[in-house]
């Protein structure tokens, strides 16, 4: 069963800010990092619970990209959606 991945506005804004700041020094690396974060995020449509939960934040999971960039997300099953 595939899940729908929804990017929140705060995620998009943060990603733009990160990519822009890296692009000042290395545009190619910035583009690759942005693409990697998007691709990894979109891959959550299949088995979104594969990444660890964050102990201090119930219902939140995270994955790390390139050792320094953490992406936090939550899963919501169809039956619990409004």
PDB file of N, CA and C in Angstrom:
ATOM      1  N   UNK A   1       0.845  -1.180   0.000  1.00  0.00           N
ATOM      2  CA  UNK A   1       0.000   0.000   0.000  1.00  0.00           C
ATOM      3  C   UNK A   1       0.887   1.239   0.000  1.00  0.00           C
ATOM      4  N   UNK A   2       0.659   2.121  -0.941  1.00  0.00           N
ATOM      5  CA  UNK A   2       1.420   3.364  -1.001  1.00  0.00           C
ATOM      6  C   UNK A   2       0.718   4.456  -0.211  1.00  0.00           C
ATOM      7  N   UNK A   3       1.508   5.284   0.420  1.00  0.00           N
ATOM      8  CA  UNK A   3       0.998   6.413   1.186  1.00  0.00           C
ATOM      9  C   UNK A   3       1.233   7.694   0.395  1.00  0.00           C
ATOM     10  N   UNK A   4       0.506   8.708   0.721  1.00  0.00           N
ATOM     11  CA  UNK A   4       0.660  10.012   0.082  1.00  0.00           C
ATOM     12  C   UNK A   4       1.632  10.847   0.912  1.00  0.00           C
ATOM     13  N   UNK A   5       2.625  11.416   0.260  1.00  0.00           N
ATOM     14  CA  UNK A   5       3.588  12.284   0.937  1.00  0.00           C
ATOM     15  C   UNK A   5       3.159  13.728   0.694  1.00  0.00           C
ATOM     16  N   UNK A   6       2.972  14.457   1.776  1.00  0.00           N
ATOM     17  CA  UNK A   6       2.548  15.862   1.692  1.00  0.00           C
ATOM     18  C   UNK A   6       3.655  16.717   2.293  1.00  0.00           C
ATOM     19  N   UNK A   7       4.146  17.658   1.511  1.00  0.00           N
ATOM     20  CA  UNK A   7       5.193  18.560   1.985  1.00  0.00           C
ATOM     21  C   UNK A   7       4.547  19.803   2.580  1.00  0.00           C
ATOM     22  N   UNK A   8       4.851  20.059   3.838  1.00  0.00           N
ATOM     23  CA  UNK A   8       4.331  21.264   4.496  1.00  0.00           C
ATOM     24  C   UNK A   8       5.099  22.482   4.001  1.00  0.00           C
ATOM     25  N   UNK A   9       4.469  23.620   4.100  1.00  0.00           N
ATOM     26  CA  UNK A   9       5.090  24.866   3.657  1.00  0.00           C
ATOM     27  C   UNK A   9       6.394  25.132   4.418  1.00  0.00           C
ATOM     28  N   UNK A  10       6.428  24.809   5.697  1.00  0.00           N
ATOM     29  CA  UNK A  10       7.653  25.026   6.472  1.00  0.00           C
ATOM     30  C   UNK A  10       8.804  24.156   5.955  1.00  0.00           C
ATOM     31  N   UNK A  11       8.496  22.946   5.513  1.00  0.00           N
ATOM     32  CA  UNK A  11       9.521  22.073   4.927  1.00  0.00           C
ATOM     33  C   UNK A  11      10.079  22.711   3.667  1.00  0.00           C
ATOM     34  N   UNK A  12       9.209  23.183   2.803  1.00  0.00           N
ATOM     35  CA  UNK A  12       9.635  23.787   1.536  1.00  0.00           C
ATOM     36  C   UNK A  12      10.477  25.034   1.788  1.00  0.00           C
ATOM     37  N   UNK A  13      10.052  25.867   2.722  1.00  0.00           N
ATOM     38  CA  UNK A  13      10.808  27.080   3.047  1.00  0.00           C
ATOM     39  C   UNK A  13      12.182  26.744   3.620  1.00  0.00           C
ATOM     40  N   UNK A  14      12.238  25.776   4.532  1.00  0.00           N
ATOM     41  CA  UNK A  14      13.519  25.374   5.115  1.00  0.00           C
ATOM     42  C   UNK A  14      14.447  24.792   4.048  1.00  0.00           C
ATOM     43  N   UNK A  15      13.896  23.971   3.177  1.00  0.00           N
ATOM     44  CA  UNK A  15      14.707  23.374   2.121  1.00  0.00           C
ATOM     45  C   UNK A  15      15.266  24.451   1.190  1.00  0.00           C
ATOM     46  N   UNK A  16      14.444  25.400   0.814  1.00  0.00           N
ATOM     47  CA  UNK A  16      14.916  26.510  -0.038  1.00  0.00           C
ATOM     48  C   UNK A  16      16.037  27.283   0.645  1.00  0.00           C
ATOM     49  N   UNK A  17      15.874  27.539   1.934  1.00  0.00           N
ATOM     50  CA  UNK A  17      16.878  28.294   2.681  1.00  0.00           C
ATOM     51  C   UNK A  17      18.201  27.525   2.746  1.00  0.00           C
ATOM     52  N   UNK A  18      18.136  26.243   3.019  1.00  0.00           N
ATOM     53  CA  UNK A  18      19.341  25.410   3.105  1.00  0.00           C
ATOM     54  C   UNK A  18      20.047  25.341   1.749  1.00  0.00           C
ATOM     55  N   UNK A  19      19.283  25.057   0.707  1.00  0.00           N
ATOM     56  CA  UNK A  19      19.866  24.929  -0.627  1.00  0.00           C
ATOM     57  C   UNK A  19      20.462  26.265  -1.080  1.00  0.00           C
ATOM     58  N   UNK A  20      19.773  27.348  -0.812  1.00  0.00           N
ATOM     59  CA  UNK A  20      20.281  28.667  -1.204  1.00  0.00           C
ATOM     60  C   UNK A  20      21.587  29.010  -0.503  1.00  0.00           C
ATOM     61  N   UNK A  21      21.667  28.698   0.769  1.00  0.00           N
ATOM     62  CA  UNK A  21      22.892  29.027   1.507  1.00  0.00           C
ATOM     63  C   UNK A  21      24.079  28.186   1.031  1.00  0.00           C
ATOM     64  N   UNK A  22      23.848  26.945   0.648  1.00  0.00           N
ATOM     65  CA  UNK A  22      24.918  26.096   0.134  1.00  0.00           C
ATOM     66  C   UNK A  22      25.292  26.510  -1.289  1.00  0.00           C
ATOM     67  N   UNK A  23      24.302  26.935  -2.063  1.00  0.00           N
ATOM     68  CA  UNK A  23      24.534  27.310  -3.461  1.00  0.00           C
ATOM     69  C   UNK A  23      25.487  28.491  -3.605  1.00  0.00           C
ATOM     70  N   UNK A  24      25.580  29.327  -2.582  1.00  0.00           N
ATOM     71  CA  UNK A  24      26.502  30.462  -2.626  1.00  0.00           C
ATOM     72  C   UNK A  24      27.937  29.959  -2.832  1.00  0.00           C
ATOM     73  N   UNK A  25      28.270  28.846  -2.201  1.00  0.00           N
ATOM     74  CA  UNK A  25      29.619  28.296  -2.275  1.00  0.00           C
ATOM     75  C   UNK A  25      29.767  27.183  -3.307  1.00  0.00           C
ATOM     76  N   UNK A  26      28.692  26.391  -3.501  1.00  0.00           N
ATOM     77  CA  UNK A  26      28.785  25.247  -4.399  1.00  0.00           C
ATOM     78  C   UNK A  26      27.397  24.917  -4.960  1.00  0.00           C
ATOM     79  N   UNK A  27      27.033  25.527  -6.087  1.00  0.00           N
ATOM     80  CA  UNK A  27      25.693  25.314  -6.663  1.00  0.00           C
ATOM     81  C   UNK A  27      25.385  23.853  -7.001  1.00  0.00           C
ATOM     82  N   UNK A  28      26.381  23.119  -7.492  1.00  0.00           N
ATOM     83  CA  UNK A  28      26.136  21.716  -7.846  1.00  0.00           C
ATOM     84  C   UNK A  28      25.819  20.872  -6.608  1.00  0.00           C
ATOM     85  N   UNK A  29      26.585  21.092  -5.542  1.00  0.00           N
ATOM     86  CA  UNK A  29      26.343  20.349  -4.297  1.00  0.00           C
ATOM     87  C   UNK A  29      24.981  20.706  -3.720  1.00  0.00           C
ATOM     88  N   UNK A  30      24.603  21.974  -3.821  1.00  0.00           N
ATOM     89  CA  UNK A  30      23.298  22.409  -3.309  1.00  0.00           C
ATOM     90  C   UNK A  30      22.169  21.718  -4.057  1.00  0.00           C
ATOM     91  N   UNK A  31      22.290  21.643  -5.366  1.00  0.00           N
ATOM     92  CA  UNK A  31      21.250  20.995  -6.165  1.00  0.00           C
ATOM     93  C   UNK A  31      21.166  19.505  -5.835  1.00  0.00           C
ATOM     94  N   UNK A  32      22.316  18.849  -5.721  1.00  0.00           N
ATOM     95  CA  UNK A  32      22.329  17.421  -5.398  1.00  0.00           C
ATOM     96  C   UNK A  32      21.719  17.154  -4.019  1.00  0.00           C
ATOM     97  N   UNK A  33      22.059  17.987  -3.050  1.00  0.00           N
ATOM     98  CA  UNK A  33      21.501  17.819  -1.711  1.00  0.00           C
ATOM     99  C   UNK A  33      19.985  18.010  -1.731  1.00  0.00           C
ATOM    100  N   UNK A  34      19.517  19.053  -2.384  1.00  0.00           N
ATOM    101  CA  UNK A  34      18.075  19.305  -2.476  1.00  0.00           C
ATOM    102  C   UNK A  34      17.342  18.137  -3.115  1.00  0.00           C
ATOM    103  N   UNK A  35      17.906  17.628  -4.198  1.00  0.00           N
ATOM    104  CA  UNK A  35      17.288  16.492  -4.882  1.00  0.00           C
ATOM    105  C   UNK A  35      17.282  15.244  -3.992  1.00  0.00           C
ATOM    106  N   UNK A  36      18.376  15.039  -3.262  1.00  0.00           N
ATOM    107  CA  UNK A  36      18.462  13.875  -2.385  1.00  0.00           C
ATOM    108  C   UNK A  36      17.424  13.950  -1.264  1.00  0.00           C
ATOM    109  N   UNK A  37      17.250  15.123  -0.694  1.00  0.00           N
ATOM    110  CA  UNK A  37      16.263  15.296   0.374  1.00  0.00           C
ATOM    111  C   UNK A  37      14.849  15.057  -0.164  1.00  0.00           C
ATOM    112  N   UNK A  38      14.553  15.605  -1.336  1.00  0.00           N
ATOM    113  CA  UNK A  38      13.227  15.416  -1.941  1.00  0.00           C
ATOM    114  C   UNK A  38      12.997  13.943  -2.276  1.00  0.00           C
ATOM    115  N   UNK A  39      13.973  13.296  -2.910  1.00  0.00           N
ATOM    116  CA  UNK A  39      13.815  11.888  -3.290  1.00  0.00           C
ATOM    117  C   UNK A  39      13.626  10.990  -2.067  1.00  0.00           C
ATOM    118  N   UNK A  40      14.412  11.231  -1.034  1.00  0.00           N
ATOM    119  CA  UNK A  40      14.276  10.420   0.173  1.00  0.00           C
ATOM    120  C   UNK A  40      12.921  10.657   0.826  1.00  0.00           C
ATOM    121  N   UNK A  41      12.486  11.896   0.825  1.00  0.00           N
ATOM    122  CA  UNK A  41      11.174  12.223   1.400  1.00  0.00           C
ATOM    123  C   UNK A  41      10.058  11.559   0.602  1.00  0.00           C
ATOM    124  N   UNK A  42      10.140  11.629  -0.713  1.00  0.00           N
ATOM    125  CA  UNK A  42       9.107  11.014  -1.550  1.00  0.00           C
ATOM    126  C   UNK A  42       9.095   9.494  -1.405  1.00  0.00           C
ATOM    127  N   UNK A  43      10.247   8.909  -1.090  1.00  0.00           N
ATOM    128  CA  UNK A  43      10.298   7.456  -0.932  1.00  0.00           C
ATOM    129  C   UNK A  43       9.526   6.991   0.298  1.00  0.00           C
ATOM    130  N   UNK A  44       9.134   7.924   1.154  1.00  0.00           N
ATOM    131  CA  UNK A  44       8.324   7.571   2.326  1.00  0.00           C
ATOM    132  C   UNK A  44       6.946   7.054   1.939  1.00  0.00           C
ATOM    133  N   UNK A  45       6.566   7.223   0.675  1.00  0.00           N
ATOM    134  CA  UNK A  45       5.266   6.710   0.246  1.00  0.00           C
ATOM    135  C   UNK A  45       5.211   5.187   0.364  1.00  0.00           C
ATOM    136  N   UNK A  46       6.364   4.557   0.397  1.00  0.00           N
ATOM    137  CA  UNK A  46       6.438   3.111   0.597  1.00  0.00           C
ATOM    138  C   UNK A  46       7.105   2.850   1.941  1.00  0.00           C
ATOM    139  N   UNK A  47       6.397   2.247   2.847  1.00  0.00           N
ATOM    140  CA  UNK A  47       6.870   1.904   4.189  1.00  0.00           C
ATOM    141  C   UNK A  47       7.406   3.133   4.942  1.00  0.00           C
ATOM    142  N   UNK A  48       6.551   4.080   5.251  1.00  0.00           N
ATOM    143  CA  UNK A  48       6.970   5.315   5.907  1.00  0.00           C
ATOM    144  C   UNK A  48       7.443   5.131   7.350  1.00  0.00           C
ATOM    145  N   UNK A  49       7.178   3.993   7.927  1.00  0.00           N
ATOM    146  CA  UNK A  49       7.562   3.770   9.328  1.00  0.00           C
ATOM    147  C   UNK A  49       8.940   3.126   9.458  1.00  0.00           C
ATOM    148  N   UNK A  50       9.718   3.138   8.401  1.00  0.00           N
ATOM    149  CA  UNK A  50      11.037   2.496   8.431  1.00  0.00           C
ATOM    150  C   UNK A  50      12.097   3.290   9.179  1.00  0.00           C
ATOM    151  N   UNK A  51      11.858   4.562   9.390  1.00  0.00           N
ATOM    152  CA  UNK A  51      12.832   5.396  10.107  1.00  0.00           C
ATOM    153  C   UNK A  51      12.467   5.473  11.589  1.00  0.00           C
ATOM    154  N   UNK A  52      13.457   5.750  12.441  1.00  0.00           N
ATOM    155  CA  UNK A  52      13.210   5.721  13.893  1.00  0.00           C
ATOM    156  C   UNK A  52      12.308   6.851  14.382  1.00  0.00           C
ATOM    157  N   UNK A  53      11.632   6.553  15.477  1.00  0.00           N
ATOM    158  CA  UNK A  53      10.824   7.563  16.157  1.00  0.00           C
ATOM    159  C   UNK A  53      11.746   8.472  16.956  1.00  0.00           C
ATOM    160  N   UNK A  54      11.297   9.692  17.180  1.00  0.00           N
ATOM    161  CA  UNK A  54      12.026  10.646  18.011  1.00  0.00           C
ATOM    162  C   UNK A  54      11.456  10.524  19.417  1.00  0.00           C
ATOM    163  N   UNK A  55      12.271  10.104  20.354  1.00  0.00           N
ATOM    164  CA  UNK A  55      11.785   9.837  21.713  1.00  0.00           C
ATOM    165  C   UNK A  55      11.117  11.036  22.367  1.00  0.00           C
ATOM    166  N   UNK A  56      11.682  12.205  22.193  1.00  0.00           N
ATOM    167  CA  UNK A  56      11.165  13.397  22.866  1.00  0.00           C
ATOM    168  C   UNK A  56       9.927  13.987  22.182  1.00  0.00           C
ATOM    169  N   UNK A  57       9.584  13.482  21.008  1.00  0.00           N
ATOM    170  CA  UNK A  57       8.447  14.036  20.260  1.00  0.00           C
ATOM    171  C   UNK A  57       7.547  12.900  19.783  1.00  0.00           C
ATOM    172  N   UNK A  58       6.543  12.543  20.557  1.00  0.00           N
ATOM    173  CA  UNK A  58       5.660  11.434  20.190  1.00  0.00           C
ATOM    174  C   UNK A  58       5.013  11.644  18.814  1.00  0.00           C
ATOM    175  N   UNK A  59       4.986  10.593  18.028  1.00  0.00           N
ATOM    176  CA  UNK A  59       4.357  10.643  16.709  1.00  0.00           C
ATOM    177  C   UNK A  59       5.271  11.168  15.615  1.00  0.00           C
ATOM    178  N   UNK A  60       6.494  11.552  15.955  1.00  0.00           N
ATOM    179  CA  UNK A  60       7.425  12.113  14.982  1.00  0.00           C
ATOM    180  C   UNK A  60       8.531  11.106  14.692  1.00  0.00           C
ATOM    181  N   UNK A  61       8.889  11.001  13.433  1.00  0.00           N
ATOM    182  CA  UNK A  61      10.013  10.164  12.994  1.00  0.00           C
ATOM    183  C   UNK A  61      11.024  11.060  12.297  1.00  0.00           C
ATOM    184  N   UNK A  62      12.228  10.515  12.056  1.00  0.00           N
ATOM    185  CA  UNK A  62      13.229  11.323  11.381  1.00  0.00           C
ATOM    186  C   UNK A  62      14.160  10.455  10.557  1.00  0.00           C
ATOM    187  N   UNK A  63      14.746  11.070   9.542  1.00  0.00           N
ATOM    188  CA  UNK A  63      15.839  10.453   8.806  1.00  0.00           C
ATOM    189  C   UNK A  63      16.900  11.518   8.576  1.00  0.00           C
ATOM    190  N   UNK A  64      18.118  11.061   8.348  1.00  0.00           N
ATOM    191  CA  UNK A  64      19.251  11.962   8.193  1.00  0.00           C
ATOM    192  C   UNK A  64      19.771  11.852   6.763  1.00  0.00           C
ATOM    193  N   UNK A  65      20.059  13.006   6.165  1.00  0.00           N
ATOM    194  CA  UNK A  65      20.619  13.057   4.821  1.00  0.00           C
ATOM    195  C   UNK A  65      22.008  13.666   4.918  1.00  0.00           C
ATOM    196  N   UNK A  66      22.976  12.985   4.362  1.00  0.00           N
ATOM    197  CA  UNK A  66      24.360  13.471   4.324  1.00  0.00           C
ATOM    198  C   UNK A  66      24.914  13.833   5.693  1.00  0.00           C
ATOM    199  N   UNK A  67      24.551  13.099   6.684  1.00  0.00           N
ATOM    200  CA  UNK A  67      25.113  13.196   8.032  1.00  0.00           C
ATOM    201  C   UNK A  67      24.700  14.443   8.821  1.00  0.00           C
ATOM    202  N   UNK A  68      24.310  15.525   8.170  1.00  0.00           N
ATOM    203  CA  UNK A  68      24.053  16.781   8.872  1.00  0.00           C
ATOM    204  C   UNK A  68      22.611  17.278   8.799  1.00  0.00           C
ATOM    205  N   UNK A  69      21.822  16.775   7.873  1.00  0.00           N
ATOM    206  CA  UNK A  69      20.488  17.320   7.642  1.00  0.00           C
ATOM    207  C   UNK A  69      19.426  16.325   8.094  1.00  0.00           C
ATOM    208  N   UNK A  70      18.689  16.704   9.123  1.00  0.00           N
ATOM    209  CA  UNK A  70      17.643  15.848   9.675  1.00  0.00           C
ATOM    210  C   UNK A  70      16.291  16.296   9.129  1.00  0.00           C
ATOM    211  N   UNK A  71      15.513  15.331   8.701  1.00  0.00           N
ATOM    212  CA  UNK A  71      14.157  15.596   8.230  1.00  0.00           C
ATOM    213  C   UNK A  71      13.210  14.912   9.210  1.00  0.00           C
ATOM    214  N   UNK A  72      12.313  15.686   9.782  1.00  0.00           N
ATOM    215  CA  UNK A  72      11.327  15.177  10.729  1.00  0.00           C
ATOM    216  C   UNK A  72       9.988  15.065  10.018  1.00  0.00           C
ATOM    217  N   UNK A  73       9.255  13.999  10.307  1.00  0.00           N
ATOM    218  CA  UNK A  73       7.960  13.802   9.659  1.00  0.00           C
ATOM    219  C   UNK A  73       7.055  12.981  10.563  1.00  0.00           C
ATOM    220  N   UNK A  74       5.785  12.982  10.211  1.00  0.00           N
ATOM    221  CA  UNK A  74       4.819  12.152  10.929  1.00  0.00           C
ATOM    222  C   UNK A  74       4.016  11.364   9.914  1.00  0.00           C
ATOM    223  N   UNK A  75       3.542  10.207  10.360  1.00  0.00           N
ATOM    224  CA  UNK A  75       2.679   9.391   9.508  1.00  0.00           C
ATOM    225  C   UNK A  75       1.253   9.501  10.020  1.00  0.00           C
ATOM    226  N   UNK A  76       0.346   9.462   9.095  1.00  0.00           N
ATOM    227  CA  UNK A  76      -1.064   9.522   9.460  1.00  0.00           C
ATOM    228  C   UNK A  76      -1.801   8.513   8.597  1.00  0.00           C
ATOM    229  N   UNK A  77      -2.347   7.507   9.227  1.00  0.00           N
ATOM    230  CA  UNK A  77      -3.054   6.472   8.491  1.00  0.00           C
ATOM    231  C   UNK A  77      -4.415   6.974   8.053  1.00  0.00           C
ATOM    232  N   UNK A  78      -4.903   6.417   6.982  1.00  0.00           N
ATOM    233  CA  UNK A  78      -6.171   6.833   6.372  1.00  0.00           C
ATOM    234  C   UNK A  78      -7.309   6.904   7.387  1.00  0.00           C
ATOM    235  N   UNK A  79      -7.387   5.934   8.284  1.00  0.00           N
ATOM    236  CA  UNK A  79      -8.489   5.884   9.234  1.00  0.00           C
ATOM    237  C   UNK A  79      -8.440   7.016  10.253  1.00  0.00           C
ATOM    238  N   UNK A  80      -7.264   7.641  10.451  1.00  0.00           N
ATOM    239  CA  UNK A  80      -7.164   8.721  11.437  1.00  0.00           C
ATOM    240  C   UNK A  80      -7.192  10.098  10.809  1.00  0.00           C
ATOM    241  N   UNK A  81      -7.347  10.168   9.502  1.00  0.00           N
ATOM    242  CA  UNK A  81      -7.430  11.474   8.825  1.00  0.00           C
ATOM    243  C   UNK A  81      -8.811  12.061   9.007  1.00  0.00           C
ATOM    244  N   UNK A  82      -8.883  13.403   9.113  1.00  0.00           N
ATOM    245  CA  UNK A  82     -10.203  14.058   9.288  1.00  0.00           C
ATOM    246  C   UNK A  82     -11.038  14.000   8.034  1.00  0.00           C
TER     247      UNK A  82
END
